[in-house]
């Protein structure tokens, strides 16, 4: 069954070109469209490979998942030290704290 997929790609032109074959570009870095689970997973693998090749790119994909607390999943791929957390039902994107700004707490 096809479902709405939103994909945001930064600093990875090849990944954007690949994704535009399957999704509609709605703004400079955002694409959206309907696709099957199999196509979505294959596209995500291709986008991740191309983001890795740029070394500075970033990709975020949002798609429905009935088993998730909020009804959707947020996938992120980049070389930056960040992670997605689900806290009290909210999806939170978080970056690793700067070691120079540490307060003595290990909150990562």
N, C-alpha and C. Protein backbone atom coordinates (compact mmCIF):
# COMPACT_ATOMS: atom_id res chain seq x y z
N UNK A 1 0.84 -1.18 0.00
CA UNK A 1 0.00 0.00 0.00
C UNK A 1 0.89 1.24 0.00
N UNK A 2 0.56 2.19 -0.83
CA UNK A 2 1.35 3.42 -0.93
C UNK A 2 1.00 4.37 0.22
N UNK A 3 2.01 5.06 0.70
CA UNK A 3 1.82 6.01 1.79
C UNK A 3 2.62 7.27 1.51
N UNK A 4 2.22 8.37 2.12
CA UNK A 4 2.91 9.65 1.93
C UNK A 4 4.29 9.60 2.58
N UNK A 5 5.29 10.04 1.84
CA UNK A 5 6.67 10.09 2.33
C UNK A 5 7.17 11.51 2.14
N UNK A 6 7.83 12.05 3.16
CA UNK A 6 8.48 13.36 3.07
C UNK A 6 9.97 13.14 3.23
N UNK A 7 10.76 13.74 2.36
CA UNK A 7 12.21 13.58 2.37
C UNK A 7 12.86 14.95 2.30
N UNK A 8 13.77 15.22 3.21
CA UNK A 8 14.51 16.49 3.24
C UNK A 8 15.98 16.16 3.04
N UNK A 9 16.60 16.79 2.03
CA UNK A 9 18.00 16.51 1.71
C UNK A 9 18.77 17.83 1.67
N UNK A 10 19.89 17.88 2.41
CA UNK A 10 20.76 19.07 2.42
C UNK A 10 22.15 18.71 1.95
N UNK A 11 22.72 19.56 1.11
CA UNK A 11 24.12 19.47 0.67
C UNK A 11 24.48 18.13 0.05
N UNK A 12 23.54 17.53 -0.67
CA UNK A 12 23.81 16.26 -1.36
C UNK A 12 23.06 16.27 -2.70
N UNK A 13 23.62 16.95 -3.72
CA UNK A 13 22.90 17.10 -4.98
C UNK A 13 22.60 15.79 -5.70
N UNK A 14 23.51 14.82 -5.63
CA UNK A 14 23.23 13.53 -6.28
C UNK A 14 22.05 12.83 -5.62
N UNK A 15 21.99 12.90 -4.28
CA UNK A 15 20.87 12.29 -3.56
C UNK A 15 19.56 12.97 -3.94
N UNK A 16 19.59 14.30 -4.10
CA UNK A 16 18.40 15.03 -4.50
C UNK A 16 17.95 14.60 -5.89
N UNK A 17 18.91 14.45 -6.81
CA UNK A 17 18.58 14.02 -8.16
C UNK A 17 17.95 12.63 -8.18
N UNK A 18 18.50 11.72 -7.39
CA UNK A 18 17.94 10.37 -7.31
C UNK A 18 16.52 10.40 -6.75
N UNK A 19 16.32 11.15 -5.68
CA UNK A 19 15.00 11.20 -5.03
C UNK A 19 13.95 11.85 -5.92
N UNK A 20 14.36 12.80 -6.76
CA UNK A 20 13.40 13.50 -7.63
C UNK A 20 12.81 12.58 -8.69
N UNK A 21 13.42 11.44 -8.93
CA UNK A 21 12.84 10.47 -9.86
C UNK A 21 11.56 9.86 -9.31
N UNK A 22 11.44 9.83 -7.98
CA UNK A 22 10.31 9.16 -7.33
C UNK A 22 9.37 10.09 -6.60
N UNK A 23 9.86 11.27 -6.20
CA UNK A 23 9.06 12.20 -5.39
C UNK A 23 8.99 13.56 -6.08
N UNK A 24 8.04 14.38 -5.66
CA UNK A 24 7.86 15.73 -6.19
C UNK A 24 8.58 16.73 -5.31
N UNK A 25 9.35 17.60 -5.92
CA UNK A 25 10.07 18.63 -5.17
C UNK A 25 9.08 19.74 -4.79
N UNK A 26 8.94 19.99 -3.49
CA UNK A 26 8.00 21.01 -3.03
C UNK A 26 8.69 22.28 -2.56
N UNK A 27 9.97 22.21 -2.27
CA UNK A 27 10.78 23.38 -1.96
C UNK A 27 12.23 23.01 -2.25
N UNK A 28 13.14 23.91 -1.95
CA UNK A 28 14.54 23.70 -2.31
C UNK A 28 15.13 22.39 -1.78
N UNK A 29 14.79 22.02 -0.56
CA UNK A 29 15.38 20.83 0.05
C UNK A 29 14.36 19.76 0.40
N UNK A 30 13.10 19.95 0.06
CA UNK A 30 12.03 19.05 0.49
C UNK A 30 11.33 18.39 -0.69
N UNK A 31 11.12 17.09 -0.55
CA UNK A 31 10.38 16.32 -1.55
C UNK A 31 9.27 15.56 -0.84
N UNK A 32 8.19 15.29 -1.56
CA UNK A 32 7.06 14.55 -0.98
C UNK A 32 6.39 13.73 -2.06
N UNK A 33 5.75 12.66 -1.66
CA UNK A 33 5.01 11.84 -2.60
C UNK A 33 4.56 10.55 -1.96
N UNK A 34 3.82 9.76 -2.74
CA UNK A 34 3.32 8.48 -2.26
C UNK A 34 4.16 7.37 -2.89
N UNK A 35 4.52 6.39 -2.07
CA UNK A 35 5.27 5.25 -2.58
C UNK A 35 5.07 4.04 -1.69
N UNK A 36 5.35 2.88 -2.24
CA UNK A 36 5.22 1.64 -1.49
C UNK A 36 6.36 1.51 -0.48
N UNK A 37 6.19 0.61 0.47
CA UNK A 37 7.22 0.38 1.48
C UNK A 37 8.52 -0.10 0.84
N UNK A 38 8.41 -0.99 -0.10
CA UNK A 38 9.60 -1.53 -0.77
C UNK A 38 10.38 -0.43 -1.50
N UNK A 39 9.66 0.42 -2.24
CA UNK A 39 10.30 1.52 -2.96
C UNK A 39 10.92 2.52 -1.99
N UNK A 40 10.19 2.82 -0.92
CA UNK A 40 10.69 3.77 0.10
C UNK A 40 11.99 3.27 0.71
N UNK A 41 12.05 2.00 1.07
CA UNK A 41 13.26 1.45 1.69
C UNK A 41 14.44 1.45 0.70
N UNK A 42 14.16 1.12 -0.55
CA UNK A 42 15.23 1.13 -1.57
C UNK A 42 15.73 2.55 -1.81
N UNK A 43 14.81 3.51 -1.87
CA UNK A 43 15.20 4.91 -2.06
C UNK A 43 16.02 5.40 -0.87
N UNK A 44 15.62 5.06 0.35
CA UNK A 44 16.35 5.50 1.53
C UNK A 44 17.79 4.95 1.50
N UNK A 45 17.96 3.69 1.11
CA UNK A 45 19.31 3.12 1.01
C UNK A 45 20.16 3.89 0.00
N UNK A 46 19.58 4.21 -1.16
CA UNK A 46 20.32 4.97 -2.18
C UNK A 46 20.68 6.37 -1.69
N UNK A 47 19.73 7.04 -1.07
CA UNK A 47 19.97 8.40 -0.56
C UNK A 47 21.08 8.36 0.50
N UNK A 48 21.05 7.39 1.40
CA UNK A 48 22.08 7.29 2.45
C UNK A 48 23.46 7.07 1.84
N UNK A 49 23.57 6.23 0.81
CA UNK A 49 24.85 6.01 0.15
C UNK A 49 25.37 7.30 -0.46
N UNK A 50 24.49 8.05 -1.11
CA UNK A 50 24.92 9.28 -1.77
C UNK A 50 25.23 10.39 -0.77
N UNK A 51 24.54 10.43 0.37
CA UNK A 51 24.87 11.39 1.42
C UNK A 51 26.25 11.06 2.00
N UNK A 52 26.55 9.77 2.17
CA UNK A 52 27.87 9.38 2.67
C UNK A 52 28.98 9.82 1.74
N UNK A 53 28.73 9.78 0.43
CA UNK A 53 29.75 10.19 -0.53
C UNK A 53 30.04 11.68 -0.47
N UNK A 54 29.07 12.50 -0.08
CA UNK A 54 29.30 13.94 -0.03
C UNK A 54 30.08 14.35 1.22
N UNK A 55 30.01 13.55 2.27
CA UNK A 55 30.68 13.79 3.54
C UNK A 55 30.15 14.98 4.32
N UNK A 56 29.25 15.76 3.75
CA UNK A 56 28.70 16.89 4.50
C UNK A 56 27.19 16.95 4.38
N UNK A 57 26.61 16.03 3.64
CA UNK A 57 25.17 16.05 3.41
C UNK A 57 24.38 15.51 4.59
N UNK A 58 23.08 15.66 4.48
CA UNK A 58 22.17 15.20 5.52
C UNK A 58 20.84 14.87 4.87
N UNK A 59 20.20 13.80 5.34
CA UNK A 59 18.89 13.43 4.83
C UNK A 59 17.97 13.06 5.99
N UNK A 60 16.72 13.44 5.86
CA UNK A 60 15.70 13.11 6.85
C UNK A 60 14.49 12.60 6.08
N UNK A 61 13.98 11.45 6.49
CA UNK A 61 12.78 10.90 5.86
C UNK A 61 11.71 10.70 6.94
N UNK A 62 10.50 11.11 6.62
CA UNK A 62 9.36 10.94 7.52
C UNK A 62 8.31 10.13 6.78
N UNK A 63 7.85 9.06 7.41
CA UNK A 63 6.82 8.24 6.78
C UNK A 63 5.91 7.62 7.85
N UNK A 64 4.68 7.28 7.47
CA UNK A 64 3.73 6.73 8.44
C UNK A 64 4.15 5.35 8.94
N UNK A 65 3.86 5.09 10.20
CA UNK A 65 4.07 3.78 10.79
C UNK A 65 3.03 3.62 11.91
N UNK A 66 2.00 2.82 11.69
CA UNK A 66 0.93 2.69 12.69
C UNK A 66 1.41 2.17 14.04
N UNK A 67 2.54 1.46 14.07
CA UNK A 67 3.04 0.92 15.35
C UNK A 67 3.83 1.95 16.17
N UNK A 68 4.18 3.08 15.56
CA UNK A 68 4.94 4.12 16.27
C UNK A 68 3.99 4.92 17.17
N UNK A 69 4.51 5.46 18.29
CA UNK A 69 3.65 6.21 19.22
C UNK A 69 2.92 7.38 18.58
N UNK A 70 3.59 8.08 17.66
CA UNK A 70 2.95 9.24 17.04
C UNK A 70 2.34 8.92 15.68
N UNK A 71 2.48 7.66 15.23
CA UNK A 71 1.92 7.27 13.95
C UNK A 71 2.84 7.47 12.77
N UNK A 72 4.06 7.92 13.02
CA UNK A 72 5.04 8.10 11.95
C UNK A 72 6.45 7.89 12.49
N UNK A 73 7.38 7.67 11.57
CA UNK A 73 8.79 7.44 11.91
C UNK A 73 9.63 8.54 11.28
N UNK A 74 10.65 8.99 11.99
CA UNK A 74 11.61 9.96 11.47
C UNK A 74 12.96 9.27 11.37
N UNK A 75 13.48 9.17 10.14
CA UNK A 75 14.81 8.59 9.91
C UNK A 75 15.77 9.72 9.59
N UNK A 76 16.97 9.67 10.14
CA UNK A 76 17.99 10.68 9.85
C UNK A 76 19.28 9.99 9.43
N UNK A 77 19.96 10.61 8.49
CA UNK A 77 21.27 10.07 8.09
C UNK A 77 22.21 11.23 7.80
N UNK A 78 23.33 11.26 8.49
CA UNK A 78 24.37 12.26 8.24
C UNK A 78 25.64 11.80 8.96
N UNK A 79 26.70 12.51 8.74
CA UNK A 79 27.94 12.21 9.44
C UNK A 79 28.06 12.99 10.74
N UNK A 80 27.12 13.89 10.98
CA UNK A 80 27.18 14.67 12.22
C UNK A 80 26.69 13.80 13.38
N UNK A 81 27.20 14.05 14.57
CA UNK A 81 26.82 13.24 15.72
C UNK A 81 25.45 13.67 16.27
N UNK A 82 24.40 13.18 15.66
CA UNK A 82 23.06 13.48 16.16
C UNK A 82 22.26 12.20 16.23
N UNK A 83 21.21 12.22 16.98
CA UNK A 83 20.33 11.07 17.07
C UNK A 83 18.90 11.54 17.29
N UNK A 84 17.98 10.67 16.94
CA UNK A 84 16.57 10.96 17.14
C UNK A 84 16.09 10.22 18.38
N UNK A 85 15.46 10.93 19.27
CA UNK A 85 14.92 10.34 20.48
C UNK A 85 13.41 10.50 20.48
N UNK A 86 12.72 9.53 21.06
CA UNK A 86 11.28 9.69 21.27
C UNK A 86 11.10 9.80 22.78
N UNK A 87 10.66 10.97 23.20
CA UNK A 87 10.55 11.26 24.62
C UNK A 87 9.15 11.75 24.91
N UNK A 88 8.42 11.04 25.76
CA UNK A 88 7.04 11.38 26.11
C UNK A 88 6.18 11.53 24.86
N UNK A 89 6.41 10.67 23.87
CA UNK A 89 5.61 10.70 22.65
C UNK A 89 6.03 11.74 21.64
N UNK A 90 7.06 12.53 21.93
CA UNK A 90 7.56 13.54 20.99
C UNK A 90 8.84 13.07 20.34
N UNK A 91 9.00 13.36 19.06
CA UNK A 91 10.23 13.03 18.35
C UNK A 91 11.16 14.23 18.50
N UNK A 92 12.35 13.97 19.05
CA UNK A 92 13.30 15.04 19.32
C UNK A 92 14.62 14.71 18.61
N UNK A 93 15.13 15.64 17.82
CA UNK A 93 16.43 15.47 17.19
C UNK A 93 17.46 16.12 18.10
N UNK A 94 18.52 15.40 18.36
CA UNK A 94 19.48 15.89 19.34
C UNK A 94 20.91 15.73 18.83
N UNK A 95 21.72 16.73 19.05
CA UNK A 95 23.14 16.68 18.67
C UNK A 95 23.98 16.41 19.90
N UNK A 96 25.11 15.76 19.69
CA UNK A 96 26.04 15.50 20.79
C UNK A 96 26.53 16.83 21.35
N UNK A 97 26.56 16.98 22.67
CA UNK A 97 27.04 18.24 23.25
C UNK A 97 28.51 18.50 22.93
N UNK A 98 28.85 19.75 22.83
CA UNK A 98 30.23 20.15 22.59
C UNK A 98 31.04 19.89 23.87
N UNK A 99 32.16 19.14 23.78
CA UNK A 99 32.94 18.83 24.98
C UNK A 99 33.47 20.08 25.68
N UNK A 100 33.64 21.18 24.95
CA UNK A 100 34.15 22.41 25.56
C UNK A 100 33.08 23.11 26.41
N UNK A 101 31.81 22.76 26.19
CA UNK A 101 30.71 23.40 26.94
C UNK A 101 30.16 22.50 28.04
N UNK A 102 30.87 21.48 28.41
CA UNK A 102 30.35 20.51 29.39
C UNK A 102 30.18 21.14 30.76
N UNK A 103 29.12 20.72 31.42
CA UNK A 103 28.84 21.21 32.77
C UNK A 103 29.13 20.14 33.81
N UNK A 104 29.73 19.04 33.38
CA UNK A 104 30.01 17.96 34.31
C UNK A 104 28.96 16.86 34.27
N UNK A 105 27.86 17.08 33.55
CA UNK A 105 26.81 16.09 33.46
C UNK A 105 26.97 15.32 32.16
N UNK A 106 26.79 14.03 32.22
CA UNK A 106 26.83 13.23 31.00
C UNK A 106 25.39 12.96 30.58
N UNK A 107 24.84 13.86 29.80
CA UNK A 107 23.43 13.75 29.42
C UNK A 107 23.24 13.14 28.05
N UNK A 108 24.28 12.59 27.47
CA UNK A 108 24.16 11.97 26.16
C UNK A 108 23.82 10.54 26.38
